[in-house]
Amino acid sequence: MNNTTYSIKKDEIERKWYIIDAEGKALGRVATEAAKLLRGKHKPTFTPNLDVGDHVIIINCDKVILTGHKLDQKIYRHHSGYIGGMKEIVARNMLENQSNKAMMLAIKGMLPHNSLGRQMIKKLRVYKGSEHENQAQKPEKWEF
């Protein structure tokens, strides 16, 4: 009896394209589904040390919602690296002006924080409206 675990090889990886409609859905719920697809955890051939995930397109991210008081209490912070270079943006302003960036940051935080995660985030496309430029890839609609 063979008790070894099967590990997929790089040339055996098959990638699909999925599209997620974020209209009326919570930001974190959409982000977790996208991170799961990008990582490949929905596949039986999931391998933690390889990028076996699929390509993900997110549309209507400007119509995403935040629950509770997060619109006014959640703050996005980043630092320029210079003295006094801390920038803060309230979630309400971020969703009005840069909703695609808010979605990208939420998904990026759910992926591995190493070169594998940087490779996975490249397979993500986020669009504010309902139009996207990836029709040629024939993406399948992902429901959750």
N, C-alpha and C. Protein backbone atom coordinates (compact mmCIF):
# COMPACT_ATOMS: atom_id res chain seq x y z
N MET A 1 0.84 -1.18 0.00
CA MET A 1 0.00 0.00 0.00
C MET A 1 0.89 1.25 0.00
N ASN A 2 0.53 2.20 -0.86
CA ASN A 2 1.33 3.41 -1.01
C ASN A 2 0.75 4.50 -0.12
N ASN A 3 1.51 4.96 0.87
CA ASN A 3 1.04 5.97 1.81
C ASN A 3 1.64 7.34 1.55
N THR A 4 2.10 7.60 0.33
CA THR A 4 2.70 8.90 0.04
C THR A 4 1.63 9.87 -0.46
N THR A 5 1.80 11.12 -0.11
CA THR A 5 0.88 12.17 -0.54
C THR A 5 1.26 12.62 -1.94
N TYR A 6 0.26 12.75 -2.79
CA TYR A 6 0.52 13.20 -4.16
C TYR A 6 0.72 14.70 -4.17
N SER A 7 1.77 15.16 -4.84
CA SER A 7 2.03 16.59 -4.98
C SER A 7 2.03 16.93 -6.47
N ILE A 8 1.28 17.94 -6.84
CA ILE A 8 1.14 18.31 -8.24
C ILE A 8 2.42 18.97 -8.75
N LYS A 9 2.73 18.76 -10.03
CA LYS A 9 3.91 19.37 -10.64
C LYS A 9 3.49 20.67 -11.34
N LYS A 10 4.45 21.56 -11.59
CA LYS A 10 4.14 22.85 -12.21
C LYS A 10 3.48 22.71 -13.58
N ASP A 11 3.91 21.74 -14.37
CA ASP A 11 3.36 21.60 -15.72
C ASP A 11 1.98 20.93 -15.73
N GLU A 12 1.51 20.43 -14.58
CA GLU A 12 0.19 19.81 -14.49
C GLU A 12 -0.90 20.77 -14.02
N ILE A 13 -0.51 22.00 -13.67
CA ILE A 13 -1.47 22.97 -13.13
C ILE A 13 -2.38 23.48 -14.25
N GLU A 14 -3.68 23.41 -14.01
CA GLU A 14 -4.67 23.95 -14.95
C GLU A 14 -5.33 25.15 -14.31
N ARG A 15 -5.35 26.26 -15.04
CA ARG A 15 -5.92 27.49 -14.51
C ARG A 15 -7.20 27.85 -15.25
N LYS A 16 -8.21 28.28 -14.48
CA LYS A 16 -9.47 28.76 -15.05
C LYS A 16 -9.61 30.24 -14.74
N TRP A 17 -10.60 30.87 -15.34
CA TRP A 17 -10.92 32.27 -15.08
C TRP A 17 -12.29 32.34 -14.43
N TYR A 18 -12.38 33.05 -13.32
CA TYR A 18 -13.65 33.23 -12.63
C TYR A 18 -13.96 34.71 -12.50
N ILE A 19 -15.26 35.03 -12.52
CA ILE A 19 -15.70 36.41 -12.35
C ILE A 19 -16.62 36.48 -11.13
N ILE A 20 -16.38 37.47 -10.28
CA ILE A 20 -17.17 37.67 -9.07
C ILE A 20 -17.84 39.03 -9.16
N ASP A 21 -19.16 39.07 -8.98
CA ASP A 21 -19.90 40.32 -8.96
C ASP A 21 -20.05 40.75 -7.51
N ALA A 22 -19.44 41.89 -7.14
CA ALA A 22 -19.39 42.34 -5.75
C ALA A 22 -20.56 43.25 -5.39
N GLU A 23 -21.50 43.45 -6.28
CA GLU A 23 -22.59 44.41 -6.03
C GLU A 23 -23.45 43.98 -4.84
N GLY A 24 -23.55 44.86 -3.83
CA GLY A 24 -24.38 44.60 -2.66
C GLY A 24 -23.82 43.60 -1.67
N LYS A 25 -22.59 43.14 -1.88
CA LYS A 25 -21.99 42.16 -0.98
C LYS A 25 -20.97 42.85 -0.07
N ALA A 26 -20.70 42.24 1.06
CA ALA A 26 -19.73 42.79 2.01
C ALA A 26 -18.32 42.63 1.46
N LEU A 27 -17.49 43.65 1.71
CA LEU A 27 -16.12 43.68 1.20
C LEU A 27 -15.32 42.46 1.63
N GLY A 28 -15.39 42.09 2.91
CA GLY A 28 -14.62 40.96 3.42
C GLY A 28 -15.07 39.63 2.87
N ARG A 29 -16.39 39.48 2.64
CA ARG A 29 -16.90 38.21 2.10
C ARG A 29 -16.41 38.00 0.67
N VAL A 30 -16.42 39.05 -0.12
CA VAL A 30 -15.92 38.96 -1.49
C VAL A 30 -14.42 38.69 -1.48
N ALA A 31 -13.70 39.36 -0.58
CA ALA A 31 -12.25 39.20 -0.50
C ALA A 31 -11.86 37.78 -0.12
N THR A 32 -12.59 37.15 0.80
CA THR A 32 -12.22 35.79 1.21
C THR A 32 -12.45 34.80 0.07
N GLU A 33 -13.52 34.97 -0.68
CA GLU A 33 -13.78 34.08 -1.82
C GLU A 33 -12.70 34.26 -2.89
N ALA A 34 -12.34 35.51 -3.17
CA ALA A 34 -11.30 35.78 -4.16
C ALA A 34 -9.96 35.21 -3.72
N ALA A 35 -9.62 35.37 -2.45
CA ALA A 35 -8.35 34.84 -1.93
C ALA A 35 -8.32 33.32 -2.02
N LYS A 36 -9.47 32.69 -1.75
CA LYS A 36 -9.55 31.23 -1.83
C LYS A 36 -9.31 30.77 -3.27
N LEU A 37 -9.91 31.47 -4.23
CA LEU A 37 -9.72 31.10 -5.65
C LEU A 37 -8.29 31.37 -6.11
N LEU A 38 -7.72 32.50 -5.71
CA LEU A 38 -6.35 32.84 -6.11
C LEU A 38 -5.35 31.84 -5.53
N ARG A 39 -5.61 31.38 -4.33
CA ARG A 39 -4.70 30.45 -3.65
C ARG A 39 -4.86 29.02 -4.19
N GLY A 40 -6.08 28.68 -4.65
CA GLY A 40 -6.32 27.34 -5.17
C GLY A 40 -6.87 26.39 -4.14
N LYS A 41 -7.39 26.90 -3.03
CA LYS A 41 -7.88 26.04 -1.95
C LYS A 41 -9.17 25.32 -2.31
N HIS A 42 -9.83 25.72 -3.38
CA HIS A 42 -11.07 25.07 -3.80
C HIS A 42 -10.80 23.83 -4.65
N LYS A 43 -9.55 23.59 -4.97
CA LYS A 43 -9.18 22.46 -5.84
C LYS A 43 -8.70 21.27 -5.01
N PRO A 44 -8.97 20.06 -5.49
CA PRO A 44 -8.44 18.88 -4.78
C PRO A 44 -6.93 18.74 -4.92
N THR A 45 -6.34 19.44 -5.89
CA THR A 45 -4.89 19.37 -6.10
C THR A 45 -4.15 20.49 -5.39
N PHE A 46 -4.76 21.10 -4.37
CA PHE A 46 -4.13 22.22 -3.66
C PHE A 46 -2.80 21.78 -3.05
N THR A 47 -1.78 22.59 -3.32
CA THR A 47 -0.44 22.36 -2.78
C THR A 47 0.01 23.67 -2.13
N PRO A 48 0.34 23.68 -0.84
CA PRO A 48 0.64 24.94 -0.15
C PRO A 48 1.87 25.67 -0.69
N ASN A 49 2.84 24.95 -1.23
CA ASN A 49 4.08 25.60 -1.64
C ASN A 49 4.10 25.96 -3.13
N LEU A 50 2.98 25.76 -3.85
CA LEU A 50 2.90 26.12 -5.26
C LEU A 50 1.71 27.03 -5.51
N ASP A 51 1.79 27.81 -6.56
CA ASP A 51 0.68 28.66 -6.97
C ASP A 51 -0.21 27.86 -7.91
N VAL A 52 -1.25 27.21 -7.36
CA VAL A 52 -2.14 26.38 -8.17
C VAL A 52 -3.49 27.07 -8.39
N GLY A 53 -3.59 28.34 -7.98
CA GLY A 53 -4.86 29.06 -8.04
C GLY A 53 -5.27 29.49 -9.43
N ASP A 54 -6.47 30.05 -9.52
CA ASP A 54 -7.05 30.49 -10.77
C ASP A 54 -7.01 32.01 -10.87
N HIS A 55 -7.34 32.52 -12.06
CA HIS A 55 -7.44 33.95 -12.29
C HIS A 55 -8.81 34.42 -11.82
N VAL A 56 -8.86 35.61 -11.20
CA VAL A 56 -10.12 36.14 -10.65
C VAL A 56 -10.34 37.56 -11.18
N ILE A 57 -11.57 37.82 -11.64
CA ILE A 57 -11.99 39.14 -12.06
C ILE A 57 -13.09 39.57 -11.12
N ILE A 58 -12.97 40.74 -10.51
CA ILE A 58 -14.01 41.27 -9.63
C ILE A 58 -14.59 42.51 -10.29
N ILE A 59 -15.92 42.51 -10.49
CA ILE A 59 -16.60 43.67 -11.08
C ILE A 59 -17.52 44.31 -10.04
N ASN A 60 -17.91 45.54 -10.30
CA ASN A 60 -18.81 46.32 -9.44
C ASN A 60 -18.26 46.50 -8.03
N CYS A 61 -16.94 46.68 -7.89
CA CYS A 61 -16.40 46.83 -6.54
C CYS A 61 -16.74 48.20 -5.96
N ASP A 62 -17.24 49.13 -6.76
CA ASP A 62 -17.68 50.42 -6.22
C ASP A 62 -19.03 50.30 -5.52
N LYS A 63 -19.73 49.17 -5.70
CA LYS A 63 -21.03 48.96 -5.06
C LYS A 63 -20.94 48.00 -3.88
N VAL A 64 -19.72 47.78 -3.38
CA VAL A 64 -19.51 46.89 -2.24
C VAL A 64 -19.92 47.62 -0.96
N ILE A 65 -20.29 46.87 0.08
CA ILE A 65 -20.74 47.51 1.32
C ILE A 65 -19.82 47.12 2.47
N LEU A 66 -19.82 47.96 3.49
CA LEU A 66 -19.16 47.67 4.75
C LEU A 66 -20.23 47.66 5.83
N THR A 67 -20.20 46.67 6.70
CA THR A 67 -21.23 46.53 7.73
C THR A 67 -20.84 47.29 8.99
N GLY A 68 -21.82 47.54 9.83
CA GLY A 68 -21.56 48.20 11.10
C GLY A 68 -21.12 49.64 10.92
N HIS A 69 -20.20 50.08 11.76
CA HIS A 69 -19.71 51.47 11.72
C HIS A 69 -18.37 51.57 11.00
N LYS A 70 -18.04 50.55 10.20
CA LYS A 70 -16.72 50.52 9.56
C LYS A 70 -16.50 51.68 8.58
N LEU A 71 -17.57 52.18 7.96
CA LEU A 71 -17.41 53.29 7.01
C LEU A 71 -16.73 54.49 7.65
N ASP A 72 -17.04 54.77 8.91
CA ASP A 72 -16.47 55.93 9.58
C ASP A 72 -15.34 55.58 10.54
N GLN A 73 -15.25 54.33 10.99
CA GLN A 73 -14.25 53.97 11.99
C GLN A 73 -13.02 53.27 11.41
N LYS A 74 -13.15 52.61 10.26
CA LYS A 74 -12.01 51.91 9.66
C LYS A 74 -11.10 52.92 8.97
N ILE A 75 -9.81 52.83 9.25
CA ILE A 75 -8.85 53.77 8.68
C ILE A 75 -7.76 52.99 7.95
N TYR A 76 -7.51 53.38 6.71
CA TYR A 76 -6.41 52.81 5.93
C TYR A 76 -5.19 53.69 6.14
N ARG A 77 -4.07 53.08 6.56
CA ARG A 77 -2.85 53.83 6.84
C ARG A 77 -1.71 53.31 5.97
N HIS A 78 -0.88 54.24 5.51
CA HIS A 78 0.38 53.86 4.86
C HIS A 78 1.41 54.95 5.14
N HIS A 79 2.67 54.58 5.04
CA HIS A 79 3.76 55.49 5.38
C HIS A 79 4.68 55.65 4.20
N SER A 80 5.10 56.89 3.93
CA SER A 80 5.97 57.17 2.79
C SER A 80 7.41 56.77 3.07
N GLY A 81 7.78 56.62 4.35
CA GLY A 81 9.15 56.30 4.71
C GLY A 81 9.90 57.51 5.21
N TYR A 82 9.33 58.69 5.03
CA TYR A 82 9.94 59.92 5.52
C TYR A 82 9.33 60.31 6.86
N ILE A 83 10.03 61.19 7.59
CA ILE A 83 9.54 61.66 8.88
C ILE A 83 8.22 62.39 8.67
N GLY A 84 7.22 62.02 9.46
CA GLY A 84 5.90 62.64 9.34
C GLY A 84 5.16 62.21 8.09
N GLY A 85 5.54 61.08 7.52
CA GLY A 85 4.95 60.64 6.25
C GLY A 85 3.77 59.69 6.39
N MET A 86 3.13 59.66 7.55
CA MET A 86 1.97 58.79 7.75
C MET A 86 0.75 59.39 7.06
N LYS A 87 0.11 58.62 6.21
CA LYS A 87 -1.11 59.06 5.52
C LYS A 87 -2.25 58.20 6.02
N GLU A 88 -3.40 58.82 6.28
CA GLU A 88 -4.58 58.10 6.74
C GLU A 88 -5.77 58.45 5.86
N ILE A 89 -6.55 57.43 5.48
CA ILE A 89 -7.75 57.63 4.69
C ILE A 89 -8.88 56.85 5.36
N VAL A 90 -10.00 57.52 5.61
CA VAL A 90 -11.17 56.86 6.21
C VAL A 90 -11.81 55.98 5.14
N ALA A 91 -12.40 54.87 5.56
CA ALA A 91 -12.96 53.88 4.64
C ALA A 91 -14.03 54.50 3.73
N ARG A 92 -14.81 55.45 4.22
CA ARG A 92 -15.84 56.09 3.40
C ARG A 92 -15.22 56.78 2.18
N ASN A 93 -14.12 57.52 2.41
CA ASN A 93 -13.44 58.20 1.31
C ASN A 93 -12.75 57.21 0.38
N MET A 94 -12.18 56.16 0.96
CA MET A 94 -11.49 55.15 0.16
C MET A 94 -12.46 54.45 -0.79
N LEU A 95 -13.66 54.10 -0.29
CA LEU A 95 -14.64 53.42 -1.13
C LEU A 95 -15.23 54.34 -2.19
N GLU A 96 -15.33 55.64 -1.89
CA GLU A 96 -15.85 56.58 -2.88
C GLU A 96 -14.85 56.82 -4.00
N ASN A 97 -13.57 56.98 -3.64
CA ASN A 97 -12.56 57.38 -4.62
C ASN A 97 -11.76 56.22 -5.20
N GLN A 98 -11.38 55.25 -4.35
CA GLN A 98 -10.51 54.16 -4.78
C GLN A 98 -11.04 52.82 -4.30
N SER A 99 -12.25 52.47 -4.70
CA SER A 99 -12.84 51.22 -4.21
C SER A 99 -12.06 50.00 -4.70
N ASN A 100 -11.45 50.09 -5.89
CA ASN A 100 -10.66 48.96 -6.37
C ASN A 100 -9.40 48.75 -5.52
N LYS A 101 -8.82 49.82 -5.01
CA LYS A 101 -7.64 49.70 -4.15
C LYS A 101 -8.02 49.09 -2.80
N ALA A 102 -9.19 49.46 -2.27
CA ALA A 102 -9.65 48.89 -1.00
C ALA A 102 -9.84 47.38 -1.15
N MET A 103 -10.40 46.95 -2.28
CA MET A 103 -10.60 45.53 -2.53
C MET A 103 -9.26 44.80 -2.66
N MET A 104 -8.32 45.40 -3.38
CA MET A 104 -6.99 44.80 -3.56
C MET A 104 -6.28 44.63 -2.21
N LEU A 105 -6.36 45.66 -1.36
CA LEU A 105 -5.70 45.59 -0.06
C LEU A 105 -6.32 44.50 0.82
N ALA A 106 -7.65 44.36 0.76
CA ALA A 106 -8.32 43.33 1.56
C ALA A 106 -7.89 41.93 1.12
N ILE A 107 -7.80 41.72 -0.19
CA ILE A 107 -7.42 40.40 -0.71
C ILE A 107 -5.94 40.13 -0.46
N LYS A 108 -5.10 41.15 -0.66
CA LYS A 108 -3.66 40.99 -0.47
C LYS A 108 -3.32 40.58 0.95
N GLY A 109 -4.09 41.08 1.93
CA GLY A 109 -3.85 40.73 3.32
C GLY A 109 -4.22 39.30 3.65
N MET A 110 -5.01 38.64 2.78
CA MET A 110 -5.43 37.26 3.02
C MET A 110 -4.54 36.24 2.30
N LEU A 111 -3.59 36.71 1.52
CA LEU A 111 -2.68 35.82 0.80
C LEU A 111 -1.37 35.70 1.58
N PRO A 112 -0.53 34.71 1.26
CA PRO A 112 0.75 34.58 1.95
C PRO A 112 1.61 35.83 1.77
N HIS A 113 2.32 36.23 2.82
CA HIS A 113 3.14 37.44 2.78
C HIS A 113 4.57 37.08 2.38
N ASN A 114 4.71 36.56 1.18
CA ASN A 114 6.03 36.20 0.65
C ASN A 114 5.97 36.25 -0.88
N SER A 115 6.97 35.72 -1.55
CA SER A 115 7.01 35.77 -3.01
C SER A 115 5.86 34.99 -3.64
N LEU A 116 5.38 33.96 -2.96
CA LEU A 116 4.24 33.19 -3.47
C LEU A 116 2.97 34.05 -3.48
N GLY A 117 2.76 34.83 -2.44
CA GLY A 117 1.61 35.73 -2.39
C GLY A 117 1.69 36.82 -3.44
N ARG A 118 2.89 37.34 -3.70
CA ARG A 118 3.07 38.37 -4.74
C ARG A 118 2.79 37.79 -6.12
N GLN A 119 3.10 36.52 -6.30
CA GLN A 119 2.81 35.85 -7.57
C GLN A 119 1.30 35.64 -7.73
N MET A 120 0.60 35.33 -6.62
CA MET A 120 -0.84 35.08 -6.67
C MET A 120 -1.63 36.36 -6.95
N ILE A 121 -1.22 37.48 -6.37
CA ILE A 121 -1.98 38.72 -6.51
C ILE A 121 -1.95 39.23 -7.95
N LYS A 122 -0.98 38.78 -8.73
CA LYS A 122 -0.90 39.19 -10.14
C LYS A 122 -2.02 38.59 -10.98
N LYS A 123 -2.69 37.55 -10.46
CA LYS A 123 -3.79 36.91 -11.19
C LYS A 123 -5.14 37.54 -10.87
N LEU A 124 -5.12 38.67 -10.17
CA LEU A 124 -6.36 39.35 -9.76
C LEU A 124 -6.56 40.61 -10.60
N ARG A 125 -7.80 40.78 -11.10
CA ARG A 125 -8.18 42.01 -11.80
C ARG A 125 -9.42 42.56 -11.14
N VAL A 126 -9.39 43.85 -10.79
CA VAL A 126 -10.51 44.48 -10.08
C VAL A 126 -10.99 45.67 -10.91
N TYR A 127 -12.31 45.72 -11.15
CA TYR A 127 -12.91 46.79 -11.94
C TYR A 127 -14.01 47.46 -11.14
N LYS A 128 -14.10 48.81 -11.25
CA LYS A 128 -15.13 49.56 -10.52
C LYS A 128 -16.51 49.31 -11.09
N GLY A 129 -16.66 49.30 -12.40
CA GLY A 129 -17.96 49.13 -13.02
C GLY A 129 -18.24 47.69 -13.38
N SER A 130 -19.30 47.49 -14.18
CA SER A 130 -19.69 46.13 -14.57
C SER A 130 -18.99 45.68 -15.85
N GLU A 131 -18.22 46.56 -16.49
CA GLU A 131 -17.49 46.21 -17.71
C GLU A 131 -16.07 45.77 -17.37
N HIS A 132 -15.60 44.74 -18.07
CA HIS A 132 -14.22 44.31 -17.91
C HIS A 132 -13.66 43.96 -19.27
N GLU A 133 -12.34 43.92 -19.38
CA GLU A 133 -11.69 43.70 -20.67
C GLU A 133 -11.13 42.29 -20.83
N ASN A 134 -11.71 41.32 -20.14
CA ASN A 134 -11.21 39.95 -20.20
C ASN A 134 -12.25 38.99 -20.76
N GLN A 135 -13.07 39.43 -21.72
CA GLN A 135 -14.08 38.55 -22.31
C GLN A 135 -13.44 37.42 -23.11
N ALA A 136 -12.26 37.66 -23.67
CA ALA A 136 -11.60 36.66 -24.50
C ALA A 136 -11.22 35.41 -23.69
N GLN A 137 -11.06 35.56 -22.37
CA GLN A 137 -10.68 34.42 -21.52
C GLN A 137 -11.89 33.57 -21.13
N LYS A 138 -13.10 34.01 -21.49
CA LYS A 138 -14.35 33.29 -21.19
C LYS A 138 -14.45 32.93 -19.70
N PRO A 139 -14.52 33.95 -18.82
CA PRO A 139 -14.58 33.64 -17.38
C PRO A 139 -15.93 33.04 -16.97
N GLU A 140 -15.87 32.13 -16.02
CA GLU A 140 -17.08 31.52 -15.46
C GLU A 140 -17.53 32.35 -14.26
N LYS A 141 -18.84 32.47 -14.06
CA LYS A 141 -19.38 33.22 -12.92
C LYS A 141 -19.24 32.36 -11.66
N TRP A 142 -18.69 32.95 -10.59
CA TRP A 142 -18.51 32.26 -9.32
C TRP A 142 -19.56 32.75 -8.35
N GLU A 143 -20.40 31.83 -7.86
CA GLU A 143 -21.44 32.16 -6.89
C GLU A 143 -21.05 31.66 -5.52
N PHE A 144 -21.36 32.44 -4.49
CA PHE A 144 -21.09 32.02 -3.12
C PHE A 144 -22.18 32.51 -2.20
